[in-house]
Protein backbone atom coordinates (compact mmCIF):
# COMPACT_ATOMS: atom_id res chain seq x y z
CA MET A 1 -0.12 0.22 0.04
CA VAL A 2 1.25 3.25 -0.94
CA GLN A 3 -1.18 6.27 -0.42
CA SER A 4 -0.69 9.88 -0.41
CA ARG A 5 -2.04 13.15 1.44
CA GLY A 6 -1.72 16.83 2.02
CA LEU A 7 -2.62 19.67 0.58
CA LYS A 8 1.01 21.15 0.90
CA LYS A 9 4.30 20.24 -0.94
CA ASN A 10 6.32 20.25 2.51
CA ASP A 11 3.70 18.45 4.36
CA LEU A 12 2.88 15.64 2.17
CA ILE A 13 2.93 12.15 3.98
CA VAL A 14 3.31 8.93 2.10
CA LEU A 15 1.56 6.14 3.95
CA MET A 16 3.21 3.15 2.86
CA GLY A 17 3.26 -0.65 4.69
CA HIS A 18 0.53 -3.31 5.50
CA GLU A 19 -1.58 -3.51 8.61
CA SER A 20 -2.36 -7.34 8.75
CA CYS A 21 0.30 -9.25 6.98
CA GLU A 22 4.28 -8.55 7.50
CA ARG A 23 4.75 -10.55 3.80
CA LEU A 24 3.33 -7.71 2.72
CA LEU A 25 5.52 -5.08 3.89
CA PRO A 26 7.37 -3.29 1.42
CA LEU A 27 11.60 -3.58 0.15
CA PRO A 28 13.49 -1.33 1.78
CA GLY A 29 14.25 0.14 -1.44
CA ARG A 30 10.51 1.51 -2.20
CA ILE A 31 11.57 4.18 0.75
CA ALA A 32 14.09 5.66 -1.46
CA VAL A 33 11.79 5.63 -4.17
CA GLU A 34 8.68 7.50 -2.70
CA ARG A 35 11.66 9.77 -1.39
CA GLN A 36 13.12 10.84 -5.21
CA LYS A 37 9.25 10.83 -6.14
CA ILE A 38 8.33 13.63 -3.39
CA PRO A 39 11.84 14.72 -2.02
CA HIS A 40 10.05 16.51 1.10
CA CYS A 41 7.57 14.04 1.84
CA ARG A 42 7.25 12.96 5.54
CA ILE A 43 6.99 8.81 5.71
CA SER A 44 4.06 6.72 7.64
CA LEU A 45 4.76 3.27 7.79
CA LEU A 46 2.53 1.46 8.34
CA THR A 47 2.98 -1.79 10.14
CA PRO A 48 1.26 -5.07 11.27
CA PRO A 49 1.32 -8.14 13.97
CA VAL A 50 4.43 -9.92 13.47
CA THR A 51 6.40 -12.70 13.67
CA GLU A 52 10.44 -12.78 14.07
CA TYR A 53 10.57 -12.04 10.44
CA GLY A 54 8.06 -9.20 10.65
CA LEU A 55 9.88 -7.88 13.30
CA ALA A 56 13.39 -7.52 11.45
CA CYS A 57 11.77 -6.28 8.35
CA VAL A 58 10.45 -3.86 10.23
CA ARG A 59 13.56 -2.64 12.19
CA LYS A 60 15.64 -2.50 8.65
CA LEU A 61 12.72 -0.03 7.46
CA ALA A 62 12.84 1.59 10.58
CA SER A 63 16.55 2.14 10.02
CA LEU A 64 15.72 4.02 6.76
CA LEU A 65 13.35 6.67 8.37
CA ASN A 66 14.03 9.88 9.99
CA SER A 67 13.03 12.20 12.92
CA LYS A 68 10.47 13.83 10.56
CA ASP A 69 8.57 10.18 9.71
CA GLU A 70 6.45 7.95 11.83
CA ILE A 71 5.50 4.15 12.04
CA ILE A 72 2.09 3.08 12.88
CA VAL A 73 2.66 0.35 15.33
CA ASN A 74 -0.06 -2.91 15.46
CA ASP A 75 2.22 -5.37 17.93
CA LEU A 76 3.54 -5.12 21.12
CA GLY A 77 6.91 -6.22 20.25
CA VAL A 78 7.82 -4.02 17.84
CA LEU A 79 6.10 -1.25 19.96
CA ALA A 80 9.22 -2.35 22.67
CA MET A 81 11.70 -2.39 19.84
CA LEU A 82 10.72 0.83 18.61
CA ASN A 83 10.63 2.37 22.15
CA ARG A 84 13.95 1.52 22.90
CA ASP A 85 16.67 1.64 19.63
CA PHE A 86 14.72 4.26 17.48
CA SER A 87 14.10 7.79 17.77
CA ILE A 88 10.99 7.97 15.69
CA HIS A 89 7.44 9.29 16.48
CA LEU A 90 5.18 6.09 17.09
CA ILE A 91 1.19 5.96 16.52
CA ILE A 92 -0.49 3.46 18.11
CA GLY A 93 -2.33 1.02 15.36
CA ARG A 94 -6.08 0.56 16.12
CA LEU A 95 -5.95 -3.25 15.84
CA LEU A 96 -2.67 -2.79 18.50
CA ALA A 97 -5.54 -0.23 20.39
CA ARG A 98 -8.36 -2.48 20.45
CA THR A 99 -5.72 -5.02 22.61
CA LEU A 100 -4.67 -2.25 25.01
CA PHE A 101 -8.11 -0.43 25.28
CA PRO A 102 -10.42 -3.65 25.56
CA PHE A 103 -13.76 -1.31 27.10
CA SER A 104 -13.29 1.78 28.64
CA ASN A 105 -15.48 0.82 31.12
CA ASP A 106 -13.25 -1.76 32.28
CA ILE A 107 -9.90 -0.52 32.02
CA ASN A 108 -11.30 2.38 34.22
CA HIS A 109 -11.94 -0.11 36.83
CA ASP A 110 -8.09 -2.43 36.77
CA LYS A 111 -6.16 0.14 38.26
CA GLY A 112 -3.37 -2.09 37.60
CA LEU A 113 -3.44 -1.82 33.87
CA LEU A 114 -4.18 2.12 34.20
CA LYS A 115 -0.94 2.57 36.14
CA ASP A 116 0.67 0.31 33.81
CA LEU A 117 -0.28 1.66 30.07
CA PRO A 118 1.87 4.93 30.06
CA PHE A 119 4.91 2.49 30.54
CA ILE A 120 3.42 0.06 27.69
CA LEU A 121 2.79 2.96 25.28
CA GLY A 122 6.09 4.19 26.15
CA PRO A 123 8.50 7.83 25.51
CA LYS A 124 8.14 7.63 22.13
CA THR A 125 4.46 7.24 21.25
CA VAL A 126 2.40 10.69 20.08
CA GLY A 127 -0.91 9.48 18.83
CA ILE A 128 -3.41 6.61 19.04
CA GLU A 129 -5.24 5.32 15.78
CA VAL A 130 -9.44 4.52 16.57
CA ASP A 131 -12.18 3.56 14.09
CA ALA A 132 -15.70 3.11 14.36
CA VAL A 133 -15.33 -0.26 16.70
CA ASN A 134 -12.76 1.79 19.54
CA VAL A 135 -13.31 5.10 19.10
CA ASP A 136 -14.49 5.22 22.72
CA TRP A 137 -12.59 2.49 24.18
CA VAL A 138 -9.40 5.11 25.08
CA PRO A 139 -9.28 6.23 28.82
CA ALA A 140 -9.96 9.67 28.71
CA PHE A 141 -6.68 10.74 30.96
CA ILE A 142 -4.63 8.67 28.39
CA SER A 143 -6.59 11.05 25.45
CA LYS A 144 -5.41 14.13 27.27
CA LYS A 145 -1.88 13.22 27.10
CA ILE A 146 -1.49 11.32 23.29
CA LYS A 147 -3.38 12.84 20.14
CA ILE A 148 -6.28 10.64 19.15
CA ARG A 149 -6.11 10.05 15.09
CA HIS A 150 -9.47 8.88 13.69
CA CYS A 151 -8.83 6.37 11.46
CA ASP A 152 -10.31 6.94 7.73
CA ARG A 153 -9.22 3.62 5.96
CA PRO A 154 -11.87 0.78 5.34
CA LEU A 155 -12.64 -0.92 8.90
CA ILE A 156 -11.27 -4.00 9.55
CA PHE A 157 -13.35 -6.57 11.57
CA ALA A 158 -10.87 -9.53 11.82
CA VAL A 159 -7.32 -10.54 11.20
CA SER A 160 -6.20 -14.41 10.44
CA ARG A 161 -2.60 -15.38 11.10
CA SER A 162 -3.60 -17.79 7.86
CA CYS A 163 -4.47 -16.61 4.50
CA ILE A 164 -6.92 -18.34 2.09
CA PHE A 165 -5.38 -16.99 -0.70
CA ASN A 166 -2.43 -18.83 -0.03
CA SER A 167 -2.02 -22.05 -2.44
CA SER A 168 0.85 -23.47 0.16
CA LYS A 169 -0.47 -26.01 2.91
CA GLN A 170 -1.71 -24.07 5.94
CA SER A 171 -0.28 -24.70 9.30
CA ARG A 172 -0.04 -22.69 12.61
CA ASP A 173 3.01 -24.91 13.58
CA ARG A 174 5.75 -23.23 11.19
CA PHE A 175 5.88 -20.18 8.47
CA VAL A 176 4.49 -21.48 4.59
CA PRO A 177 5.79 -20.40 1.31
CA CYS A 178 3.94 -16.85 0.33
CA ARG A 179 3.70 -16.11 -2.85
CA LYS A 180 1.41 -13.42 -2.70
CA GLU A 181 -1.43 -14.89 -4.57
CA CYS A 182 -3.57 -12.39 -2.48
CA LEU A 183 -2.60 -9.74 -4.40
CA ASN A 184 -5.48 -8.90 -6.41
CA LYS A 185 -7.74 -11.00 -5.43
CA LYS A 186 -10.74 -10.65 -3.38
CA VAL A 187 -13.97 -13.05 -1.92
CA VAL A 188 -16.80 -11.28 -0.22
CA ALA A 189 -18.67 -13.58 2.45
CA LEU A 190 -21.96 -13.17 3.19
CA SER A 191 -22.81 -13.64 7.19
CA THR A 192 -26.15 -15.56 7.59
CA SER A 193 -26.98 -14.89 11.26
CA ILE A 194 -26.67 -10.91 10.41
CA ALA A 195 -27.10 -10.16 6.96
CA LYS A 196 -24.32 -8.74 6.00
CA LYS A 197 -21.78 -8.56 3.39
CA PHE A 198 -17.76 -8.73 4.33
CA LEU A 199 -14.64 -8.20 1.92
CA ILE A 200 -12.06 -10.54 2.81
CA LYS A 201 -9.19 -9.20 1.07
CA GLU A 202 -5.42 -10.84 1.85
CA ASN A 203 -5.72 -12.20 5.81
CA THR A 204 -8.56 -9.96 6.56
CA VAL A 205 -12.06 -9.62 6.70
CA ILE A 206 -13.21 -6.29 5.98
CA GLY A 207 -16.72 -4.33 6.30
CA SER A 208 -18.52 -1.22 6.23
């Protein structure tokens, strides 16, 4: 995914990366290509939940960013690594936000979790993404200190560890080969219980 947003040339933000699949993260050379196309742009790197493979990929990509760029984080291991090893702005992605802020009523009664949240977020976290699912879940004391960003990407209902488009034998116990067969493919699924259609794209269930 590569998208650009911004009104002025110097304010242009290039969104690149992938929210749900580590195998679809961009190659390191892609960052240089975007900077050549738009020299004054800021990179916003979107990252997914990861295994050790994805963690290494994110580390390499992060090493190519500068202090004006940002990384949208959806994995606690990635969050800890970036807070520890890099000086770059971090945004808690909406998928990770759903884990950190399960339900506002529950979290406001969990004093231990409330106490640990600033430590978990780390010193480099400057924003939190929310969407229609978790727009009201972030505790007030966090939202007063960290900017809340409303995500305008398609609404995600679920992310799977396996991919229905991968023709290799699926296994949760070992890393299967990926030929990126999911690209340019999608499936429409109908939920008979709620009479609603969902789009399955890559390893993600998307709705409206």
